[in-house]
Amino acid sequence: MPLIPVLMSTFSKFEDIMNKPLISLKEGSSITLWQLLLALVFVIVAWLVSRYVAKFIGRKILKMMNVSDDNVVIIQRLVFFVMLGIIVVTILSFLKVPLTAFAFISGAVAIGIGFGAKNVMDNFISGWILMSERPVHINDVVELDGQLGRIVQVGNRSTIIRRIDGAHMVIPNSTLLQSNLVNWTLLDQNIRNSVKVGVAYGSDVQKVREILFAIMKDNKSVLEDPEPSVIFEDFGDSSLVFEMWYWAKISTIRELRAIRSDLRFEIDKRFSESNIVIAFPQRDVHLHFADDVAKQLAQKLQTSEQLKSLEDRSKESNQTASSKNQKSTSQKD
Protein backbone atom coordinates (compact mmCIF):
# COMPACT_ATOMS: atom_id res chain seq x y z
CA MET A 1 0.00 0.00 0.00
CA PRO A 2 1.37 3.41 -0.89
CA LEU A 3 0.07 4.94 2.36
CA ILE A 4 2.55 3.15 4.60
CA PRO A 5 5.68 4.43 2.86
CA VAL A 6 4.27 7.95 2.98
CA LEU A 7 3.62 7.65 6.71
CA MET A 8 7.08 6.18 7.30
CA SER A 9 8.67 8.98 5.30
CA THR A 10 6.68 11.63 7.20
CA PHE A 11 7.59 10.08 10.55
CA SER A 12 11.24 9.94 9.53
CA LYS A 13 11.22 13.62 8.60
CA PHE A 14 9.45 14.49 11.87
CA GLU A 15 12.03 12.47 13.83
CA ASP A 16 14.85 14.24 12.05
CA ILE A 17 13.32 17.63 12.90
CA MET A 18 12.81 16.70 16.55
CA ASN A 19 16.33 15.28 16.92
CA LYS A 20 18.03 18.09 15.07
CA PRO A 21 20.36 19.99 17.41
CA LEU A 22 19.07 23.46 18.18
CA ILE A 23 21.68 24.61 20.66
CA SER A 24 25.29 23.45 20.67
CA LEU A 25 27.13 23.58 23.99
CA LYS A 26 30.80 24.00 24.67
CA GLU A 27 31.05 20.53 26.19
CA GLY A 28 30.32 18.99 22.79
CA SER A 29 26.72 18.13 23.61
CA SER A 30 23.64 19.69 22.11
CA ILE A 31 19.98 20.28 22.91
CA THR A 32 17.32 19.08 20.52
CA LEU A 33 13.76 20.27 20.04
CA TRP A 34 12.48 17.02 21.48
CA GLN A 35 14.43 17.57 24.69
CA LEU A 36 13.11 21.10 25.02
CA LEU A 37 9.50 19.99 24.57
CA LEU A 38 9.90 17.15 27.08
CA ALA A 39 11.54 19.51 29.54
CA LEU A 40 8.66 21.98 29.18
CA VAL A 41 6.03 19.27 29.71
CA PHE A 42 7.83 17.86 32.75
CA VAL A 43 8.25 21.32 34.27
CA ILE A 44 4.50 21.94 33.98
CA VAL A 45 3.78 18.54 35.55
CA ALA A 46 6.31 19.28 38.30
CA TRP A 47 4.59 22.60 38.98
CA LEU A 48 1.18 20.97 39.36
CA VAL A 49 2.50 18.09 41.49
CA SER A 50 4.46 20.41 43.78
CA ARG A 51 1.44 22.65 44.24
CA TYR A 52 -0.84 19.72 45.06
CA VAL A 53 1.61 18.20 47.55
CA ALA A 54 2.14 21.57 49.28
CA LYS A 55 -1.63 22.09 49.64
CA PHE A 56 -2.10 18.52 50.87
CA ILE A 57 0.55 19.01 53.55
CA GLY A 58 -0.97 22.32 54.62
CA ARG A 59 -4.60 21.20 54.72
CA LYS A 60 -4.23 17.69 56.11
CA ILE A 61 -0.99 17.17 58.02
CA LEU A 62 -0.34 20.64 59.47
CA LYS A 63 -3.98 21.20 60.42
CA MET A 64 -3.92 17.97 62.41
CA MET A 65 -0.84 19.28 64.24
CA ASN A 66 -2.67 22.55 65.16
CA VAL A 67 -0.15 24.71 63.32
CA SER A 68 -1.14 28.38 62.93
CA ASP A 69 -2.34 29.66 59.57
CA ASP A 70 0.76 31.82 59.09
CA ASN A 71 3.13 28.91 59.63
CA VAL A 72 1.03 26.75 57.31
CA VAL A 73 1.44 29.29 54.49
CA ILE A 74 5.21 29.53 55.03
CA ILE A 75 5.67 25.74 55.08
CA GLN A 76 3.49 25.35 51.98
CA ARG A 77 5.61 27.82 50.04
CA LEU A 78 8.88 26.24 51.14
CA VAL A 79 7.66 22.75 50.22
CA PHE A 80 6.40 23.99 46.85
CA PHE A 81 9.59 25.70 45.76
CA VAL A 82 11.92 23.00 47.13
CA MET A 83 9.97 20.22 45.42
CA LEU A 84 9.76 22.23 42.19
CA GLY A 85 13.51 22.82 42.18
CA ILE A 86 14.34 19.17 42.90
CA ILE A 87 11.97 17.87 40.24
CA VAL A 88 13.21 20.31 37.60
CA VAL A 89 16.87 19.46 38.26
CA THR A 90 16.07 15.74 38.19
CA ILE A 91 14.21 16.04 34.88
CA LEU A 92 17.01 18.01 33.27
CA SER A 93 19.52 15.42 34.43
CA PHE A 94 17.33 12.59 33.12
CA LEU A 95 17.07 14.27 29.73
CA LYS A 96 20.83 14.86 29.79
CA VAL A 97 20.33 18.60 29.56
CA PRO A 98 23.18 20.30 31.46
CA LEU A 99 22.34 23.29 33.63
CA THR A 100 24.90 25.32 31.71
CA ALA A 101 22.49 25.19 28.78
CA PHE A 102 20.47 27.94 30.39
CA ALA A 103 23.41 30.22 30.96
CA PHE A 104 22.87 31.94 27.63
CA ILE A 105 19.48 33.30 28.72
CA SER A 106 20.65 34.53 32.13
CA GLY A 107 21.57 37.96 30.76
CA ALA A 108 18.19 38.40 29.07
CA VAL A 109 16.35 37.27 32.20
CA ALA A 110 18.35 39.70 34.33
CA ILE A 111 17.53 42.60 32.00
CA GLY A 112 13.84 41.60 31.93
CA ILE A 113 13.69 41.45 35.71
CA GLY A 114 15.50 44.77 35.98
CA PHE A 115 13.09 46.62 33.70
CA GLY A 116 9.89 44.86 32.72
CA ALA A 117 9.40 42.70 35.82
CA LYS A 118 10.69 45.15 38.42
CA ASN A 119 7.32 45.58 40.15
CA VAL A 120 6.62 41.84 40.06
CA MET A 121 9.93 40.99 41.71
CA ASP A 122 9.51 43.84 44.18
CA ASN A 123 6.12 42.49 45.26
CA PHE A 124 7.45 38.92 45.31
CA ILE A 125 10.35 39.80 47.59
CA SER A 126 8.07 41.97 49.74
CA GLY A 127 5.76 38.98 50.18
CA TRP A 128 8.60 36.91 51.59
CA ILE A 129 9.59 39.78 53.87
CA LEU A 130 6.01 39.97 55.18
CA MET A 131 6.00 36.25 55.89
CA SER A 132 9.43 36.27 57.53
CA GLU A 133 9.17 39.43 59.64
CA ARG A 134 5.42 38.86 60.15
CA PRO A 135 4.19 42.40 60.81
CA VAL A 136 0.78 41.04 59.84
CA HIS A 137 -0.81 37.65 60.37
CA ILE A 138 -3.74 35.97 58.71
CA ASN A 139 -7.03 37.03 60.42
CA ASP A 140 -5.41 40.18 61.85
CA VAL A 141 -7.64 43.26 62.05
CA VAL A 142 -5.80 46.05 60.23
CA GLU A 143 -6.48 49.62 59.13
CA LEU A 144 -5.02 50.94 55.88
CA ASP A 145 -5.76 54.44 54.54
CA GLY A 146 -8.85 54.71 56.75
CA GLN A 147 -10.17 51.30 55.62
CA LEU A 148 -10.73 48.74 58.38
CA GLY A 149 -10.54 45.07 57.45
CA ARG A 150 -9.19 41.60 58.15
CA ILE A 151 -6.18 39.90 56.54
CA VAL A 152 -7.44 36.98 54.47
CA GLN A 153 -4.37 35.95 52.49
CA VAL A 154 -0.72 36.94 52.08
CA GLY A 155 0.26 35.83 48.58
CA ASN A 156 3.45 35.97 46.56
CA ARG A 157 2.45 39.20 44.83
CA SER A 158 -0.33 40.77 46.88
CA THR A 159 -2.21 40.68 50.17
CA ILE A 160 -6.00 40.36 50.33
CA ILE A 161 -7.89 42.35 52.99
CA ARG A 162 -11.61 41.80 53.58
CA ARG A 163 -13.34 45.05 54.57
CA ILE A 164 -16.28 45.48 56.94
CA ASP A 165 -18.75 45.70 54.04
CA GLY A 166 -17.52 42.38 52.61
CA ALA A 167 -15.48 43.86 49.74
CA HIS A 168 -11.96 42.52 49.21
CA MET A 169 -8.99 44.84 48.81
CA VAL A 170 -6.03 43.50 46.81
CA ILE A 171 -2.95 45.36 48.06
CA PRO A 172 0.48 44.84 46.43
CA ASN A 173 2.97 43.58 48.99
CA SER A 174 5.41 46.42 48.32
CA THR A 175 2.65 48.97 48.93
CA LEU A 176 1.70 47.23 52.17
CA LEU A 177 5.29 47.42 53.44
CA GLN A 178 5.65 51.11 52.54
CA SER A 179 2.27 52.24 53.90
CA ASN A 180 1.41 53.34 57.43
CA LEU A 181 -0.45 50.19 58.40
CA VAL A 182 -2.27 49.96 61.75
CA ASN A 183 -2.48 46.40 63.07
CA TRP A 184 -5.08 46.26 65.84
CA THR A 185 -4.38 42.62 66.75
CA LEU A 186 -0.64 42.19 66.21
CA LEU A 187 0.19 40.85 69.68
CA ASP A 188 -3.24 39.71 70.88
CA GLN A 189 -6.95 39.92 70.07
CA ASN A 190 -7.65 42.64 72.66
CA ILE A 191 -8.86 45.97 71.28
CA ARG A 192 -9.68 49.16 73.17
CA ASN A 193 -12.80 50.93 72.00
CA SER A 194 -15.05 53.75 73.18
CA VAL A 195 -18.65 54.94 73.06
CA LYS A 196 -19.66 58.59 73.50
CA VAL A 197 -22.98 59.84 74.87
CA GLY A 198 -24.23 63.32 75.75
CA VAL A 199 -26.75 64.12 78.50
CA ALA A 200 -28.74 67.29 79.06
CA TYR A 201 -27.41 70.07 81.26
CA GLY A 202 -28.68 69.73 84.80
CA SER A 203 -28.38 65.94 84.87
CA ASP A 204 -26.81 64.20 87.88
CA VAL A 205 -23.30 63.52 86.53
CA GLN A 206 -22.42 61.09 89.32
CA LYS A 207 -25.52 59.04 88.58
CA VAL A 208 -24.67 59.09 84.86
CA ARG A 209 -21.18 57.81 85.63
CA GLU A 210 -22.52 54.99 87.81
CA ILE A 211 -25.01 53.87 85.16
CA LEU A 212 -22.42 53.86 82.37
CA PHE A 213 -19.93 51.95 84.49
CA ALA A 214 -22.58 49.38 85.45
CA ILE A 215 -23.52 48.90 81.79
CA MET A 216 -19.94 47.99 80.89
CA LYS A 217 -19.63 45.69 83.89
CA ASP A 218 -22.78 43.79 82.91
CA ASN A 219 -21.67 43.30 79.29
CA LYS A 220 -19.99 39.91 78.95
CA SER A 221 -17.91 40.98 75.96
CA VAL A 222 -16.18 43.77 77.90
CA LEU A 223 -12.98 42.59 79.61
CA GLU A 224 -12.56 43.13 83.33
CA ASP A 225 -8.79 43.56 82.96
CA PRO A 226 -7.91 46.24 81.95
CA GLU A 227 -10.76 47.76 83.90
CA PRO A 228 -13.28 49.87 81.94
CA SER A 229 -13.58 53.55 82.77
CA VAL A 230 -15.97 56.47 82.28
CA ILE A 231 -14.55 59.85 81.27
CA PHE A 232 -16.33 63.19 81.61
CA GLU A 233 -15.15 64.36 78.21
CA ASP A 234 -16.39 67.93 77.82
CA PHE A 235 -19.00 70.61 78.38
CA GLY A 236 -20.52 70.57 74.91
CA ASP A 237 -22.67 73.18 73.20
CA SER A 238 -25.86 71.29 73.99
CA SER A 239 -24.80 68.44 76.26
CA LEU A 240 -22.49 67.09 78.93
CA VAL A 241 -20.28 64.67 76.99
CA PHE A 242 -19.28 61.33 78.55
CA GLU A 243 -17.06 58.66 76.99
CA MET A 244 -16.93 54.96 77.91
CA TRP A 245 -13.54 53.30 77.51
CA TYR A 246 -13.33 49.53 77.51
CA TRP A 247 -11.31 46.57 76.21
CA ALA A 248 -12.80 43.64 74.31
CA LYS A 249 -11.41 40.43 72.85
CA ILE A 250 -12.64 40.00 69.29
CA SER A 251 -12.02 37.66 66.39
CA THR A 252 -13.94 39.57 63.72
CA ILE A 253 -14.69 43.22 63.05
CA ARG A 254 -18.41 42.53 63.27
CA GLU A 255 -18.03 41.70 66.95
CA LEU A 256 -16.55 45.14 67.59
CA ARG A 257 -19.57 46.89 66.06
CA ALA A 258 -21.97 44.52 67.82
CA ILE A 259 -20.51 45.40 71.23
CA ARG A 260 -20.92 49.13 70.57
CA SER A 261 -24.51 48.54 69.47
CA ASP A 262 -25.34 46.53 72.61
CA LEU A 263 -23.89 49.24 74.82
CA ARG A 264 -25.95 51.95 73.10
CA PHE A 265 -29.16 49.94 73.43
CA GLU A 266 -28.51 49.49 77.14
CA ILE A 267 -27.66 53.18 77.61
CA ASP A 268 -30.95 54.25 76.07
CA LYS A 269 -32.88 51.77 78.22
CA ARG A 270 -31.31 52.67 81.57
CA PHE A 271 -31.34 56.40 80.94
CA SER A 272 -35.07 56.20 80.21
CA GLU A 273 -35.62 54.27 83.44
CA SER A 274 -33.63 56.88 85.41
CA ASN A 275 -35.26 59.91 83.67
CA ILE A 276 -31.95 61.05 82.25
CA VAL A 277 -32.35 62.91 78.98
CA ILE A 278 -29.98 62.17 76.11
CA ALA A 279 -29.18 65.63 74.76
CA PHE A 280 -29.80 66.77 71.21
CA PRO A 281 -28.52 69.89 69.41
CA GLN A 282 -30.43 73.08 70.26
CA ARG A 283 -29.79 76.83 70.07
CA ASP A 284 -31.05 79.89 71.96
CA VAL A 285 -31.35 82.97 69.74
CA HIS A 286 -31.19 86.43 71.41
CA LEU A 287 -32.01 89.55 69.33
CA HIS A 288 -30.29 92.79 70.30
CA PHE A 289 -31.10 96.07 68.52
CA ALA A 290 -29.32 99.40 68.65
CA ASP A 291 -31.26 102.39 70.09
CA ASP A 292 -32.02 103.99 66.71
CA VAL A 293 -33.23 100.76 65.25
CA ALA A 294 -35.38 100.12 68.30
CA LYS A 295 -36.98 103.57 68.06
CA GLN A 296 -37.73 103.15 64.37
CA LEU A 297 -39.21 99.74 65.00
CA ALA A 298 -41.35 101.13 67.87
CA GLN A 299 -42.62 103.97 65.67
CA LYS A 300 -43.51 101.56 62.88
CA LEU A 301 -45.33 99.33 65.34
CA GLN A 302 -47.20 102.33 66.82
CA THR A 303 -48.15 103.58 63.34
CA SER A 304 -49.36 100.15 62.29
CA GLU A 305 -51.44 99.89 65.46
CA GLN A 306 -53.01 103.34 64.81
CA LEU A 307 -53.86 102.39 61.24
CA LYS A 308 -55.40 99.19 62.43
CA SER A 309 -57.56 101.04 64.99
CA LEU A 310 -58.76 103.50 62.31
CA GLU A 311 -59.68 100.62 60.05
CA ASP A 312 -61.63 98.99 62.88
CA ARG A 313 -63.52 102.24 63.60
CA SER A 314 -64.39 102.74 59.93
CA LYS A 315 -65.70 99.20 59.75
CA GLU A 316 -67.87 99.79 62.85
CA SER A 317 -69.28 103.07 61.45
CA ASN A 318 -70.10 101.40 58.15
CA GLN A 319 -71.84 98.57 59.93
CA THR A 320 -73.89 101.10 62.06
CA ALA A 321 -74.95 103.08 58.99
CA SER A 322 -76.02 99.99 57.13
CA SER A 323 -78.09 98.79 60.10
CA LYS A 324 -79.90 102.18 60.33
CA ASN A 325 -80.74 102.07 56.62
CA GLN A 326 -82.21 98.62 57.01
CA LYS A 327 -84.45 99.78 59.90
CA SER A 328 -85.74 102.84 58.00
CA THR A 329 -86.68 100.78 54.98
CA SER A 330 -88.50 98.29 57.14
CA GLN A 331 -90.55 101.04 58.87
CA LYS A 332 -91.65 102.54 55.50
CA ASP A 333 -92.90 99.15 54.43
Foldseek 3Di string as FASTA:
>chain_A
DVVVVVVVVVVVVVVCQQPPFDAADPVRDGDGNVLVVVLVVQLVVQQVVQLVVLVCCLPPVVVVVVDDPLVSVVSSVVSSVVSSVVSSVVSCVVSVNDPCVCVVCPVVVVVCCVPVVVLVVLLQVLLVVCSVVVQDDALWFKAFPNFTFGWHDRDRFWTWTQGPVRDIDTGGSNRVVPGPMGTQQRPHQKHKDKDKFWFAPPDDVVVLQVQLLVLLVPDPQFDPVVPKHKDQDDDDPGTRMIMIITMGGDRGVVVVVVVNVSSVVSSVVVCVVVVIGGTDDDDDDDDDDDPVVVVVVVVVVVVVVVVVVVVVVVVVVVVVVVVVVVVVVVVVD
